[in-house]
Amino acid sequence: MNPRRPKKLNGQVYLVTGGTQGIGEEVAKTLAANGAAGIIICGRNVERGQQVASVLQKSDCESLFVKTELENADECTALVATCDKKFGRLDGLVNAAGLTERGTSFDTTAENWDRMFAG
C-alpha cells in the first residue's frame, strides 16, 4: 500500500468546525471525496454553510450545516447532540474554526484581545 495515498474512510461520520470556508471547507470536501458517509459542518454564516452542505450532498455524502457559535458551550453541546441524533455516532472531529479579527498591539481593543486569547 502506498503510504501517501489516503485511506478510504469507509462510511465514517465527521464533524468539521469552521467548515463553511477555507481550510475547514476543503477538509470537509476531502473527507467526502474519500468515502465519509456523513459530515456535520458548523460555522456562523448560514448561506455559506448551506452551500457547502449542498456540495457535499452531491458527492454522495449525507451532510448538514448547523449554525454554531463555538464560544457558547450550550451551542457546542447541541451541535454534538445533533450529530448523534442524525448519524448515531461520531468517528472524527476536525477543529478548523478560528477567529479572523486582525489588529496590532497598538490598535486592538481590550475586548478583542480578551476574545482572541480566552479560547
PDB file of N, CA and C in Angstrom:
ATOM      1  N   MET A   1       0.845  -1.185   0.000  1.00  0.00           N
ATOM      2  CA  MET A   1       0.000   0.000   0.000  1.00  0.00           C
ATOM      3  C   MET A   1       0.882   1.237   0.000  1.00  0.00           C
ATOM      4  N   ASN A   2       0.522   2.204  -0.830  1.00  0.00           N
ATOM      5  CA  ASN A   2       1.244   3.460  -0.916  1.00  0.00           C
ATOM      6  C   ASN A   2       0.931   4.316   0.313  1.00  0.00           C
ATOM      7  N   PRO A   3       1.947   4.671   1.135  1.00  0.00           N
ATOM      8  CA  PRO A   3       1.675   5.449   2.357  1.00  0.00           C
ATOM      9  C   PRO A   3       1.191   6.869   2.068  1.00  0.00           C
ATOM     10  N   ARG A   4       1.421   7.382   0.878  1.00  0.00           N
ATOM     11  CA  ARG A   4       0.967   8.728   0.525  1.00  0.00           C
ATOM     12  C   ARG A   4      -0.509   8.754   0.132  1.00  0.00           C
ATOM     13  N   ARG A   5      -1.041   7.616  -0.243  1.00  0.00           N
ATOM     14  CA  ARG A   5      -2.434   7.558  -0.688  1.00  0.00           C
ATOM     15  C   ARG A   5      -3.372   7.555   0.517  1.00  0.00           C
ATOM     16  N   PRO A   6      -4.368   8.443   0.528  1.00  0.00           N
ATOM     17  CA  PRO A   6      -5.280   8.486   1.678  1.00  0.00           C
ATOM     18  C   PRO A   6      -6.068   7.197   1.824  1.00  0.00           C
ATOM     19  N   LYS A   7      -6.231   6.788   3.043  1.00  0.00           N
ATOM     20  CA  LYS A   7      -7.023   5.602   3.352  1.00  0.00           C
ATOM     21  C   LYS A   7      -8.497   5.945   3.195  1.00  0.00           C
ATOM     22  N   LYS A   8      -9.253   5.079   2.583  1.00  0.00           N
ATOM     23  CA  LYS A   8     -10.695   5.309   2.432  1.00  0.00           C
ATOM     24  C   LYS A   8     -11.354   5.348   3.803  1.00  0.00           C
ATOM     25  N   LEU A   9     -12.313   6.202   3.938  1.00  0.00           N
ATOM     26  CA  LEU A   9     -12.946   6.433   5.233  1.00  0.00           C
ATOM     27  C   LEU A   9     -14.106   5.490   5.512  1.00  0.00           C
ATOM     28  N   ASN A  10     -14.465   4.674   4.551  1.00  0.00           N
ATOM     29  CA  ASN A  10     -15.427   3.584   4.747  1.00  0.00           C
ATOM     30  C   ASN A  10     -16.657   3.949   5.574  1.00  0.00           C
ATOM     31  N   GLY A  11     -17.319   5.012   5.175  1.00  0.00           N
ATOM     32  CA  GLY A  11     -18.594   5.333   5.801  1.00  0.00           C
ATOM     33  C   GLY A  11     -18.536   5.979   7.159  1.00  0.00           C
ATOM     34  N   GLN A  12     -17.429   6.557   7.525  1.00  0.00           N
ATOM     35  CA  GLN A  12     -17.324   7.199   8.831  1.00  0.00           C
ATOM     36  C   GLN A  12     -18.046   8.548   8.848  1.00  0.00           C
ATOM     37  N   VAL A  13     -18.284   9.049  10.045  1.00  0.00           N
ATOM     38  CA  VAL A  13     -19.010  10.305  10.257  1.00  0.00           C
ATOM     39  C   VAL A  13     -18.076  11.310  10.933  1.00  0.00           C
ATOM     40  N   TYR A  14     -18.083  12.535  10.406  1.00  0.00           N
ATOM     41  CA  TYR A  14     -17.185  13.576  10.896  1.00  0.00           C
ATOM     42  C   TYR A  14     -17.940  14.852  11.220  1.00  0.00           C
ATOM     43  N   LEU A  15     -17.357  15.596  12.133  1.00  0.00           N
ATOM     44  CA  LEU A  15     -17.811  16.943  12.482  1.00  0.00           C
ATOM     45  C   LEU A  15     -16.658  17.881  12.157  1.00  0.00           C
ATOM     46  N   VAL A  16     -16.932  18.902  11.329  1.00  0.00           N
ATOM     47  CA  VAL A  16     -15.896  19.850  10.930  1.00  0.00           C
ATOM     48  C   VAL A  16     -16.322  21.243  11.376  1.00  0.00           C
ATOM     49  N   THR A  17     -15.608  21.796  12.353  1.00  0.00           N
ATOM     50  CA  THR A  17     -15.870  23.171  12.759  1.00  0.00           C
ATOM     51  C   THR A  17     -15.196  24.088  11.750  1.00  0.00           C
ATOM     52  N   GLY A  18     -15.801  25.236  11.517  1.00  0.00           N
ATOM     53  CA  GLY A  18     -15.242  26.148  10.531  1.00  0.00           C
ATOM     54  C   GLY A  18     -15.354  25.600   9.113  1.00  0.00           C
ATOM     55  N   GLY A  19     -16.340  24.752   8.888  1.00  0.00           N
ATOM     56  CA  GLY A  19     -16.489  24.078   7.605  1.00  0.00           C
ATOM     57  C   GLY A  19     -17.153  24.896   6.518  1.00  0.00           C
ATOM     58  N   THR A  20     -17.390  26.177   6.755  1.00  0.00           N
ATOM     59  CA  THR A  20     -18.083  26.999   5.760  1.00  0.00           C
ATOM     60  C   THR A  20     -17.139  27.708   4.812  1.00  0.00           C
ATOM     61  N   GLN A  21     -15.838  27.637   5.077  1.00  0.00           N
ATOM     62  CA  GLN A  21     -14.883  28.344   4.221  1.00  0.00           C
ATOM     63  C   GLN A  21     -13.476  27.832   4.463  1.00  0.00           C
ATOM     64  N   GLY A  22     -12.573  28.228   3.602  1.00  0.00           N
ATOM     65  CA  GLY A  22     -11.148  27.994   3.788  1.00  0.00           C
ATOM     66  C   GLY A  22     -10.769  26.552   4.038  1.00  0.00           C
ATOM     67  N   ILE A  23      -9.887  26.369   4.998  1.00  0.00           N
ATOM     68  CA  ILE A  23      -9.354  25.044   5.302  1.00  0.00           C
ATOM     69  C   ILE A  23     -10.469  24.092   5.720  1.00  0.00           C
ATOM     70  N   GLY A  24     -11.392  24.541   6.553  1.00  0.00           N
ATOM     71  CA  GLY A  24     -12.487  23.674   7.000  1.00  0.00           C
ATOM     72  C   GLY A  24     -13.329  23.164   5.851  1.00  0.00           C
ATOM     73  N   GLU A  25     -13.646  24.043   4.908  1.00  0.00           N
ATOM     74  CA  GLU A  25     -14.424  23.635   3.740  1.00  0.00           C
ATOM     75  C   GLU A  25     -13.664  22.599   2.923  1.00  0.00           C
ATOM     76  N   GLU A  26     -12.373  22.829   2.700  1.00  0.00           N
ATOM     77  CA  GLU A  26     -11.570  21.886   1.915  1.00  0.00           C
ATOM     78  C   GLU A  26     -11.415  20.541   2.623  1.00  0.00           C
ATOM     79  N   VAL A  27     -11.282  20.578   3.937  1.00  0.00           N
ATOM     80  CA  VAL A  27     -11.212  19.329   4.702  1.00  0.00           C
ATOM     81  C   VAL A  27     -12.515  18.550   4.544  1.00  0.00           C
ATOM     82  N   ALA A  28     -13.649  19.232   4.666  1.00  0.00           N
ATOM     83  CA  ALA A  28     -14.945  18.564   4.515  1.00  0.00           C
ATOM     84  C   ALA A  28     -15.075  17.939   3.131  1.00  0.00           C
ATOM     85  N   LYS A  29     -14.674  18.657   2.097  1.00  0.00           N
ATOM     86  CA  LYS A  29     -14.736  18.128   0.732  1.00  0.00           C
ATOM     87  C   LYS A  29     -13.814  16.918   0.570  1.00  0.00           C
ATOM     88  N   THR A  30     -12.643  16.973   1.188  1.00  0.00           N
ATOM     89  CA  THR A  30     -11.703  15.853   1.107  1.00  0.00           C
ATOM     90  C   THR A  30     -12.242  14.628   1.838  1.00  0.00           C
ATOM     91  N   LEU A  31     -12.856  14.841   2.995  1.00  0.00           N
ATOM     92  CA  LEU A  31     -13.469  13.732   3.727  1.00  0.00           C
ATOM     93  C   LEU A  31     -14.556  13.076   2.871  1.00  0.00           C
ATOM     94  N   ALA A  32     -15.400  13.893   2.253  1.00  0.00           N
ATOM     95  CA  ALA A  32     -16.474  13.367   1.403  1.00  0.00           C
ATOM     96  C   ALA A  32     -15.901  12.600   0.219  1.00  0.00           C
ATOM     97  N   ALA A  33     -14.867  13.148  -0.404  1.00  0.00           N
ATOM     98  CA  ALA A  33     -14.258  12.505  -1.568  1.00  0.00           C
ATOM     99  C   ALA A  33     -13.590  11.181  -1.221  1.00  0.00           C
ATOM    100  N   ASN A  34     -13.243  11.013   0.048  1.00  0.00           N
ATOM    101  CA  ASN A  34     -12.567   9.792   0.477  1.00  0.00           C
ATOM    102  C   ASN A  34     -13.475   8.814   1.200  1.00  0.00           C
ATOM    103  N   GLY A  35     -14.785   8.973   1.027  1.00  0.00           N
ATOM    104  CA  GLY A  35     -15.710   7.954   1.479  1.00  0.00           C
ATOM    105  C   GLY A  35     -16.437   8.187   2.780  1.00  0.00           C
ATOM    106  N   ALA A  36     -16.349   9.377   3.349  1.00  0.00           N
ATOM    107  CA  ALA A  36     -17.125   9.647   4.566  1.00  0.00           C
ATOM    108  C   ALA A  36     -18.612   9.511   4.244  1.00  0.00           C
ATOM    109  N   ALA A  37     -19.346   8.896   5.146  1.00  0.00           N
ATOM    110  CA  ALA A  37     -20.788   8.718   4.936  1.00  0.00           C
ATOM    111  C   ALA A  37     -21.570   9.936   5.390  1.00  0.00           C
ATOM    112  N   GLY A  38     -21.031  10.672   6.361  1.00  0.00           N
ATOM    113  CA  GLY A  38     -21.738  11.813   6.893  1.00  0.00           C
ATOM    114  C   GLY A  38     -20.792  12.860   7.422  1.00  0.00           C
ATOM    115  N   ILE A  39     -21.188  14.115   7.218  1.00  0.00           N
ATOM    116  CA  ILE A  39     -20.400  15.231   7.726  1.00  0.00           C
ATOM    117  C   ILE A  39     -21.345  16.305   8.234  1.00  0.00           C
ATOM    118  N   ILE A  40     -21.103  16.735   9.457  1.00  0.00           N
ATOM    119  CA  ILE A  40     -21.770  17.907  10.012  1.00  0.00           C
ATOM    120  C   ILE A  40     -20.746  19.024   9.932  1.00  0.00           C
ATOM    121  N   ILE A  41     -21.122  20.139   9.313  1.00  0.00           N
ATOM    122  CA  ILE A  41     -20.243  21.295   9.318  1.00  0.00           C
ATOM    123  C   ILE A  41     -20.918  22.388  10.134  1.00  0.00           C
ATOM    124  N   CYS A  42     -20.101  23.196  10.769  1.00  0.00           N
ATOM    125  CA  CYS A  42     -20.676  24.296  11.538  1.00  0.00           C
ATOM    126  C   CYS A  42     -19.892  25.562  11.280  1.00  0.00           C
ATOM    127  N   GLY A  43     -20.549  26.652  11.547  1.00  0.00           N
ATOM    128  CA  GLY A  43     -19.961  27.970  11.381  1.00  0.00           C
ATOM    129  C   GLY A  43     -21.021  28.999  11.698  1.00  0.00           C
ATOM    130  N   ARG A  44     -20.725  30.239  11.359  1.00  0.00           N
ATOM    131  CA  ARG A  44     -21.656  31.320  11.655  1.00  0.00           C
ATOM    132  C   ARG A  44     -22.440  31.789  10.432  1.00  0.00           C
ATOM    133  N   ASN A  45     -21.933  31.515   9.238  1.00  0.00           N
ATOM    134  CA  ASN A  45     -22.546  32.011   8.011  1.00  0.00           C
ATOM    135  C   ASN A  45     -23.507  30.965   7.449  1.00  0.00           C
ATOM    136  N   VAL A  46     -24.797  31.178   7.643  1.00  0.00           N
ATOM    137  CA  VAL A  46     -25.822  30.201   7.244  1.00  0.00           C
ATOM    138  C   VAL A  46     -25.807  29.964   5.735  1.00  0.00           C
ATOM    139  N   GLU A  47     -25.748  31.028   4.960  1.00  0.00           N
ATOM    140  CA  GLU A  47     -25.772  30.878   3.498  1.00  0.00           C
ATOM    141  C   GLU A  47     -24.596  30.040   3.002  1.00  0.00           C
ATOM    142  N   ARG A  48     -23.391  30.362   3.458  1.00  0.00           N
ATOM    143  CA  ARG A  48     -22.202  29.592   3.054  1.00  0.00           C
ATOM    144  C   ARG A  48     -22.301  28.157   3.560  1.00  0.00           C
ATOM    145  N   GLY A  49     -22.760  27.980   4.781  1.00  0.00           N
ATOM    146  CA  GLY A  49     -22.881  26.633   5.339  1.00  0.00           C
ATOM    147  C   GLY A  49     -23.815  25.760   4.537  1.00  0.00           C
ATOM    148  N   GLN A  50     -24.939  26.325   4.139  1.00  0.00           N
ATOM    149  CA  GLN A  50     -25.889  25.546   3.342  1.00  0.00           C
ATOM    150  C   GLN A  50     -25.335  25.243   1.959  1.00  0.00           C
ATOM    151  N   GLN A  51     -24.569  26.178   1.390  1.00  0.00           N
ATOM    152  CA  GLN A  51     -23.932  25.928   0.094  1.00  0.00           C
ATOM    153  C   GLN A  51     -22.930  24.782   0.171  1.00  0.00           C
ATOM    154  N   VAL A  52     -22.092  24.803   1.194  1.00  0.00           N
ATOM    155  CA  VAL A  52     -21.088  23.752   1.350  1.00  0.00           C
ATOM    156  C   VAL A  52     -21.768  22.406   1.593  1.00  0.00           C
ATOM    157  N   ALA A  53     -22.793  22.392   2.443  1.00  0.00           N
ATOM    158  CA  ALA A  53     -23.525  21.143   2.697  1.00  0.00           C
ATOM    159  C   ALA A  53     -24.124  20.590   1.410  1.00  0.00           C
ATOM    160  N   SER A  54     -24.621  21.461   0.557  1.00  0.00           N
ATOM    161  CA  SER A  54     -25.193  21.049  -0.725  1.00  0.00           C
ATOM    162  C   SER A  54     -24.128  20.416  -1.624  1.00  0.00           C
ATOM    163  N   VAL A  55     -22.952  21.004  -1.656  1.00  0.00           N
ATOM    164  CA  VAL A  55     -21.849  20.451  -2.452  1.00  0.00           C
ATOM    165  C   VAL A  55     -21.477  19.060  -1.936  1.00  0.00           C
ATOM    166  N   LEU A  56     -21.421  18.904  -0.623  1.00  0.00           N
ATOM    167  CA  LEU A  56     -21.092  17.598  -0.036  1.00  0.00           C
ATOM    168  C   LEU A  56     -22.157  16.561  -0.378  1.00  0.00           C
ATOM    169  N   GLN A  57     -23.411  16.965  -0.344  1.00  0.00           N
ATOM    170  CA  GLN A  57     -24.522  16.052  -0.674  1.00  0.00           C
ATOM    171  C   GLN A  57     -24.368  15.523  -2.102  1.00  0.00           C
ATOM    172  N   LYS A  58     -23.904  16.393  -3.001  1.00  0.00           N
ATOM    173  CA  LYS A  58     -23.742  15.991  -4.404  1.00  0.00           C
ATOM    174  C   LYS A  58     -22.643  14.949  -4.578  1.00  0.00           C
ATOM    175  N   SER A  59     -21.757  14.810  -3.610  1.00  0.00           N
ATOM    176  CA  SER A  59     -20.729  13.775  -3.687  1.00  0.00           C
ATOM    177  C   SER A  59     -21.122  12.554  -2.851  1.00  0.00           C
ATOM    178  N   ASP A  60     -22.431  12.354  -2.721  1.00  0.00           N
ATOM    179  CA  ASP A  60     -22.985  11.193  -2.017  1.00  0.00           C
ATOM    180  C   ASP A  60     -22.532  11.103  -0.565  1.00  0.00           C
ATOM    181  N   CYS A  61     -22.421  12.239   0.069  1.00  0.00           N
ATOM    182  CA  CYS A  61     -22.077  12.281   1.487  1.00  0.00           C
ATOM    183  C   CYS A  61     -23.200  13.028   2.196  1.00  0.00           C
ATOM    184  N   GLU A  62     -23.930  12.329   3.044  1.00  0.00           N
ATOM    185  CA  GLU A  62     -25.006  12.964   3.810  1.00  0.00           C
ATOM    186  C   GLU A  62     -24.376  14.071   4.642  1.00  0.00           C
ATOM    187  N   SER A  63     -24.908  15.267   4.513  1.00  0.00           N
ATOM    188  CA  SER A  63     -24.300  16.377   5.242  1.00  0.00           C
ATOM    189  C   SER A  63     -25.362  17.331   5.763  1.00  0.00           C
ATOM    190  N   LEU A  64     -24.943  18.074   6.761  1.00  0.00           N
ATOM    191  CA  LEU A  64     -25.846  19.013   7.412  1.00  0.00           C
ATOM    192  C   LEU A  64     -25.023  20.173   7.938  1.00  0.00           C
ATOM    193  N   PHE A  65     -25.533  21.377   7.730  1.00  0.00           N
ATOM    194  CA  PHE A  65     -24.926  22.561   8.325  1.00  0.00           C
ATOM    195  C   PHE A  65     -25.686  22.905   9.598  1.00  0.00           C
ATOM    196  N   VAL A  66     -24.944  23.207  10.653  1.00  0.00           N
ATOM    197  CA  VAL A  66     -25.540  23.637  11.913  1.00  0.00           C
ATOM    198  C   VAL A  66     -24.880  24.963  12.303  1.00  0.00           C
ATOM    199  N   LYS A  67     -25.680  26.024  12.338  1.00  0.00           N
ATOM    200  CA  LYS A  67     -25.147  27.325  12.750  1.00  0.00           C
ATOM    201  C   LYS A  67     -24.746  27.218  14.216  1.00  0.00           C
ATOM    202  N   THR A  68     -23.486  27.521  14.477  1.00  0.00           N
ATOM    203  CA  THR A  68     -22.964  27.349  15.834  1.00  0.00           C
ATOM    204  C   THR A  68     -21.978  28.453  16.161  1.00  0.00           C
ATOM    205  N   GLU A  69     -22.133  29.027  17.338  1.00  0.00           N
ATOM    206  CA  GLU A  69     -21.162  29.968  17.887  1.00  0.00           C
ATOM    207  C   GLU A  69     -20.332  29.165  18.883  1.00  0.00           C
ATOM    208  N   LEU A  70     -19.095  28.853  18.529  1.00  0.00           N
ATOM    209  CA  LEU A  70     -18.275  27.949  19.344  1.00  0.00           C
ATOM    210  C   LEU A  70     -17.896  28.519  20.705  1.00  0.00           C
ATOM    211  N   GLU A  71     -18.082  29.796  20.903  1.00  0.00           N
ATOM    212  CA  GLU A  71     -17.838  30.389  22.216  1.00  0.00           C
ATOM    213  C   GLU A  71     -18.949  30.045  23.205  1.00  0.00           C
ATOM    214  N   ASN A  72     -20.056  29.512  22.693  1.00  0.00           N
ATOM    215  CA  ASN A  72     -21.216  29.198  23.521  1.00  0.00           C
ATOM    216  C   ASN A  72     -21.245  27.690  23.798  1.00  0.00           C
ATOM    217  N   ALA A  73     -20.982  27.317  25.051  1.00  0.00           N
ATOM    218  CA  ALA A  73     -20.903  25.895  25.418  1.00  0.00           C
ATOM    219  C   ALA A  73     -22.207  25.154  25.127  1.00  0.00           C
ATOM    220  N   ASP A  74     -23.345  25.793  25.344  1.00  0.00           N
ATOM    221  CA  ASP A  74     -24.634  25.147  25.075  1.00  0.00           C
ATOM    222  C   ASP A  74     -24.798  24.841  23.583  1.00  0.00           C
ATOM    223  N   GLU A  75     -24.352  25.752  22.724  1.00  0.00           N
ATOM    224  CA  GLU A  75     -24.438  25.510  21.281  1.00  0.00           C
ATOM    225  C   GLU A  75     -23.510  24.378  20.860  1.00  0.00           C
ATOM    226  N   CYS A  76     -22.345  24.272  21.491  1.00  0.00           N
ATOM    227  CA  CYS A  76     -21.419  23.166  21.194  1.00  0.00           C
ATOM    228  C   CYS A  76     -22.027  21.834  21.603  1.00  0.00           C
ATOM    229  N   THR A  77     -22.653  21.798  22.764  1.00  0.00           N
ATOM    230  CA  THR A  77     -23.324  20.583  23.229  1.00  0.00           C
ATOM    231  C   THR A  77     -24.441  20.199  22.274  1.00  0.00           C
ATOM    232  N   ALA A  78     -25.218  21.182  21.835  1.00  0.00           N
ATOM    233  CA  ALA A  78     -26.307  20.920  20.893  1.00  0.00           C
ATOM    234  C   ALA A  78     -25.770  20.434  19.546  1.00  0.00           C
ATOM    235  N   LEU A  79     -24.635  20.947  19.132  1.00  0.00           N
ATOM    236  CA  LEU A  79     -24.009  20.532  17.872  1.00  0.00           C
ATOM    237  C   LEU A  79     -23.681  19.039  17.895  1.00  0.00           C
ATOM    238  N   VAL A  80     -23.052  18.593  18.952  1.00  0.00           N
ATOM    239  CA  VAL A  80     -22.706  17.172  19.068  1.00  0.00           C
ATOM    240  C   VAL A  80     -23.969  16.325  19.188  1.00  0.00           C
ATOM    241  N   ALA A  81     -24.962  16.807  19.917  1.00  0.00           N
ATOM    242  CA  ALA A  81     -26.235  16.086  20.043  1.00  0.00           C
ATOM    243  C   ALA A  81     -26.915  15.949  18.681  1.00  0.00           C
ATOM    244  N   THR A  82     -26.827  16.984  17.849  1.00  0.00           N
ATOM    245  CA  THR A  82     -27.405  16.924  16.507  1.00  0.00           C
ATOM    246  C   THR A  82     -26.720  15.851  15.678  1.00  0.00           C
ATOM    247  N   CYS A  83     -25.414  15.777  15.785  1.00  0.00           N
ATOM    248  CA  CYS A  83     -24.663  14.743  15.064  1.00  0.00           C
ATOM    249  C   CYS A  83     -25.083  13.357  15.537  1.00  0.00           C
ATOM    250  N   ASP A  84     -25.194  13.190  16.835  1.00  0.00           N
ATOM    251  CA  ASP A  84     -25.596  11.899  17.393  1.00  0.00           C
ATOM    252  C   ASP A  84     -27.011  11.524  16.952  1.00  0.00           C
ATOM    253  N   LYS A  85     -27.908  12.501  16.940  1.00  0.00           N
ATOM    254  CA  LYS A  85     -29.294  12.237  16.533  1.00  0.00           C
ATOM    255  C   LYS A  85     -29.364  11.862  15.056  1.00  0.00           C
ATOM    256  N   LYS A  86     -28.607  12.568  14.223  1.00  0.00           N
ATOM    257  CA  LYS A  86     -28.660  12.335  12.775  1.00  0.00           C
ATOM    258  C   LYS A  86     -27.963  11.039  12.371  1.00  0.00           C
ATOM    259  N   PHE A  87     -26.781  10.781  12.952  1.00  0.00           N
ATOM    260  CA  PHE A  87     -25.963   9.656  12.497  1.00  0.00           C
ATOM    261  C   PHE A  87     -25.783   8.537  13.520  1.00  0.00           C
ATOM    262  N   GLY A  88     -26.089   8.822  14.786  1.00  0.00           N
ATOM    263  CA  GLY A  88     -25.941   7.798  15.812  1.00  0.00           C
ATOM    264  C   GLY A  88     -24.518   7.579  16.283  1.00  0.00           C
ATOM    265  N   ARG A  89     -23.604   8.370  15.761  1.00  0.00           N
ATOM    266  CA  ARG A  89     -22.206   8.225  16.173  1.00  0.00           C
ATOM    267  C   ARG A  89     -21.381   9.374  15.619  1.00  0.00           C
ATOM    268  N   LEU A  90     -20.148   9.480  16.076  1.00  0.00           N
ATOM    269  CA  LEU A  90     -19.186  10.455  15.574  1.00  0.00           C
ATOM    270  C   LEU A  90     -17.830   9.766  15.565  1.00  0.00           C
ATOM    271  N   ASP A  91     -17.226   9.667  14.386  1.00  0.00           N
ATOM    272  CA  ASP A  91     -15.944   8.977  14.253  1.00  0.00           C
ATOM    273  C   ASP A  91     -14.744   9.914  14.289  1.00  0.00           C
ATOM    274  N   GLY A  92     -14.951  11.173  13.956  1.00  0.00           N
ATOM    275  CA  GLY A  92     -13.825  12.092  13.950  1.00  0.00           C
ATOM    276  C   GLY A  92     -14.262  13.540  14.025  1.00  0.00           C
ATOM    277  N   LEU A  93     -13.378  14.363  14.578  1.00  0.00           N
ATOM    278  CA  LEU A  93     -13.620  15.787  14.724  1.00  0.00           C
ATOM    279  C   LEU A  93     -12.444  16.537  14.121  1.00  0.00           C
ATOM    280  N   VAL A  94     -12.748  17.525  13.274  1.00  0.00           N
ATOM    281  CA  VAL A  94     -11.722  18.412  12.735  1.00  0.00           C
ATOM    282  C   VAL A  94     -12.058  19.819  13.206  1.00  0.00           C
ATOM    283  N   ASN A  95     -11.195  20.378  14.030  1.00  0.00           N
ATOM    284  CA  ASN A  95     -11.385  21.741  14.516  1.00  0.00           C
ATOM    285  C   ASN A  95     -10.640  22.699  13.589  1.00  0.00           C
ATOM    286  N   ALA A  96     -11.373  23.248  12.614  1.00  0.00           N
ATOM    287  CA  ALA A  96     -10.767  24.180  11.661  1.00  0.00           C
ATOM    288  C   ALA A  96     -11.293  25.596  11.855  1.00  0.00           C
ATOM    289  N   ALA A  97     -12.079  25.811  12.879  1.00  0.00           N
ATOM    290  CA  ALA A  97     -12.636  27.140  13.136  1.00  0.00           C
ATOM    291  C   ALA A  97     -11.576  28.039  13.745  1.00  0.00           C
ATOM    292  N   GLY A  98     -11.704  29.297  13.461  1.00  0.00           N
ATOM    293  CA  GLY A  98     -10.791  30.261  14.049  1.00  0.00           C
ATOM    294  C   GLY A  98     -11.360  31.658  13.936  1.00  0.00           C
ATOM    295  N   LEU A  99     -10.830  32.541  14.716  1.00  0.00           N
ATOM    296  CA  LEU A  99     -11.240  33.941  14.640  1.00  0.00           C
ATOM    297  C   LEU A  99     -10.393  34.633  13.580  1.00  0.00           C
ATOM    298  N   THR A 100     -11.004  35.556  12.878  1.00  0.00           N
ATOM    299  CA  THR A 100     -10.277  36.224  11.801  1.00  0.00           C
ATOM    300  C   THR A 100     -10.093  37.716  12.031  1.00  0.00           C
ATOM    301  N   GLU A 101     -10.389  38.172  13.230  1.00  0.00           N
ATOM    302  CA  GLU A 101     -10.162  39.586  13.522  1.00  0.00           C
ATOM    303  C   GLU A 101      -8.660  39.854  13.484  1.00  0.00           C
ATOM    304  N   ARG A 102      -8.318  41.041  13.051  1.00  0.00           N
ATOM    305  CA  ARG A 102      -6.913  41.415  12.974  1.00  0.00           C
ATOM    306  C   ARG A 102      -6.685  42.698  13.751  1.00  0.00           C
ATOM    307  N   GLY A 103      -5.478  42.858  14.227  1.00  0.00           N
ATOM    308  CA  GLY A 103      -5.100  44.072  14.919  1.00  0.00           C
ATOM    309  C   GLY A 103      -3.661  43.970  15.384  1.00  0.00           C
ATOM    310  N   THR A 104      -3.118  45.075  15.787  1.00  0.00           N
ATOM    311  CA  THR A 104      -1.766  45.094  16.326  1.00  0.00           C
ATOM    312  C   THR A 104      -1.840  45.344  17.826  1.00  0.00           C
ATOM    313  N   SER A 105      -0.714  45.251  18.470  1.00  0.00           N
ATOM    314  CA  SER A 105      -0.697  45.526  19.909  1.00  0.00           C
ATOM    315  C   SER A 105      -1.004  46.988  20.197  1.00  0.00           C
ATOM    316  N   PHE A 106      -0.961  47.845  19.181  1.00  0.00           N
ATOM    317  CA  PHE A 106      -1.242  49.266  19.358  1.00  0.00           C
ATOM    318  C   PHE A 106      -2.714  49.618  19.136  1.00  0.00           C
ATOM    319  N   ASP A 107      -3.418  48.850  18.275  1.00  0.00           N
ATOM    320  CA  ASP A 107      -4.788  49.266  17.947  1.00  0.00           C
ATOM    321  C   ASP A 107      -5.870  48.236  18.285  1.00  0.00           C
ATOM    322  N   THR A 108      -5.515  47.118  18.883  1.00  0.00           N
ATOM    323  CA  THR A 108      -6.505  46.114  19.267  1.00  0.00           C
ATOM    324  C   THR A 108      -7.193  46.540  20.566  1.00  0.00           C
ATOM    325  N   THR A 109      -8.515  46.408  20.586  1.00  0.00           N
ATOM    326  CA  THR A 109      -9.251  46.752  21.803  1.00  0.00           C
ATOM    327  C   THR A 109      -9.034  45.685  22.872  1.00  0.00           C
ATOM    328  N   ALA A 110      -9.261  46.066  24.108  1.00  0.00           N
ATOM    329  CA  ALA A 110      -9.138  45.102  25.208  1.00  0.00           C
ATOM    330  C   ALA A 110     -10.140  43.965  25.042  1.00  0.00           C
ATOM    331  N   GLU A 111     -11.336  44.280  24.552  1.00  0.00           N
ATOM    332  CA  GLU A 111     -12.370  43.247  24.343  1.00  0.00           C
ATOM    333  C   GLU A 111     -11.927  42.240  23.281  1.00  0.00           C
ATOM    334  N   ASN A 112     -11.355  42.754  22.190  1.00  0.00           N
ATOM    335  CA  ASN A 112     -10.890  41.855  21.128  1.00  0.00           C
ATOM    336  C   ASN A 112      -9.716  41.013  21.625  1.00  0.00           C
ATOM    337  N   TRP A 113      -8.822  41.607  22.373  1.00  0.00           N
ATOM    338  CA  TRP A 113      -7.689  40.889  22.953  1.00  0.00           C
ATOM    339  C   TRP A 113      -8.198  39.739  23.826  1.00  0.00           C
ATOM    340  N   ASP A 114      -9.140  40.038  24.703  1.00  0.00           N
ATOM    341  CA  ASP A 114      -9.690  39.007  25.581  1.00  0.00           C
ATOM    342  C   ASP A 114     -10.362  37.890  24.787  1.00  0.00           C
ATOM    343  N   ARG A 115     -11.086  38.256  23.771  1.00  0.00           N
ATOM    344  CA  ARG A 115     -11.778  37.247  22.952  1.00  0.00           C
ATOM    345  C   ARG A 115     -10.791  36.345  22.236  1.00  0.00           C
ATOM    346  N   MET A 116      -9.714  36.927  21.691  1.00  0.00           N
ATOM    347  CA  MET A 116      -8.729  36.143  20.944  1.00  0.00           C
ATOM    348  C   MET A 116      -7.985  35.162  21.841  1.00  0.00           C
ATOM    349  N   PHE A 117      -7.712  35.570  23.079  1.00  0.00           N
ATOM    350  CA  PHE A 117      -6.873  34.747  23.936  1.00  0.00           C
ATOM    351  C   PHE A 117      -7.633  33.937  24.975  1.00  0.00           C
ATOM    352  N   ALA A 118      -8.925  34.151  25.056  1.00  0.00           N
ATOM    353  CA  ALA A 118      -9.726  33.394  26.027  1.00  0.00           C
ATOM    354  C   ALA A 118      -9.943  31.948  25.574  1.00  0.00           C
ATOM    355  N   GLY A 119      -9.956  31.720  24.265  1.00  0.00           N
ATOM    356  CA  GLY A 119     -10.223  30.378  23.724  1.00  0.00           C
ATOM    357  C   GLY A 119      -9.062  29.518  23.851  1.00  0.00           C
TER     358      GLY A 119
END
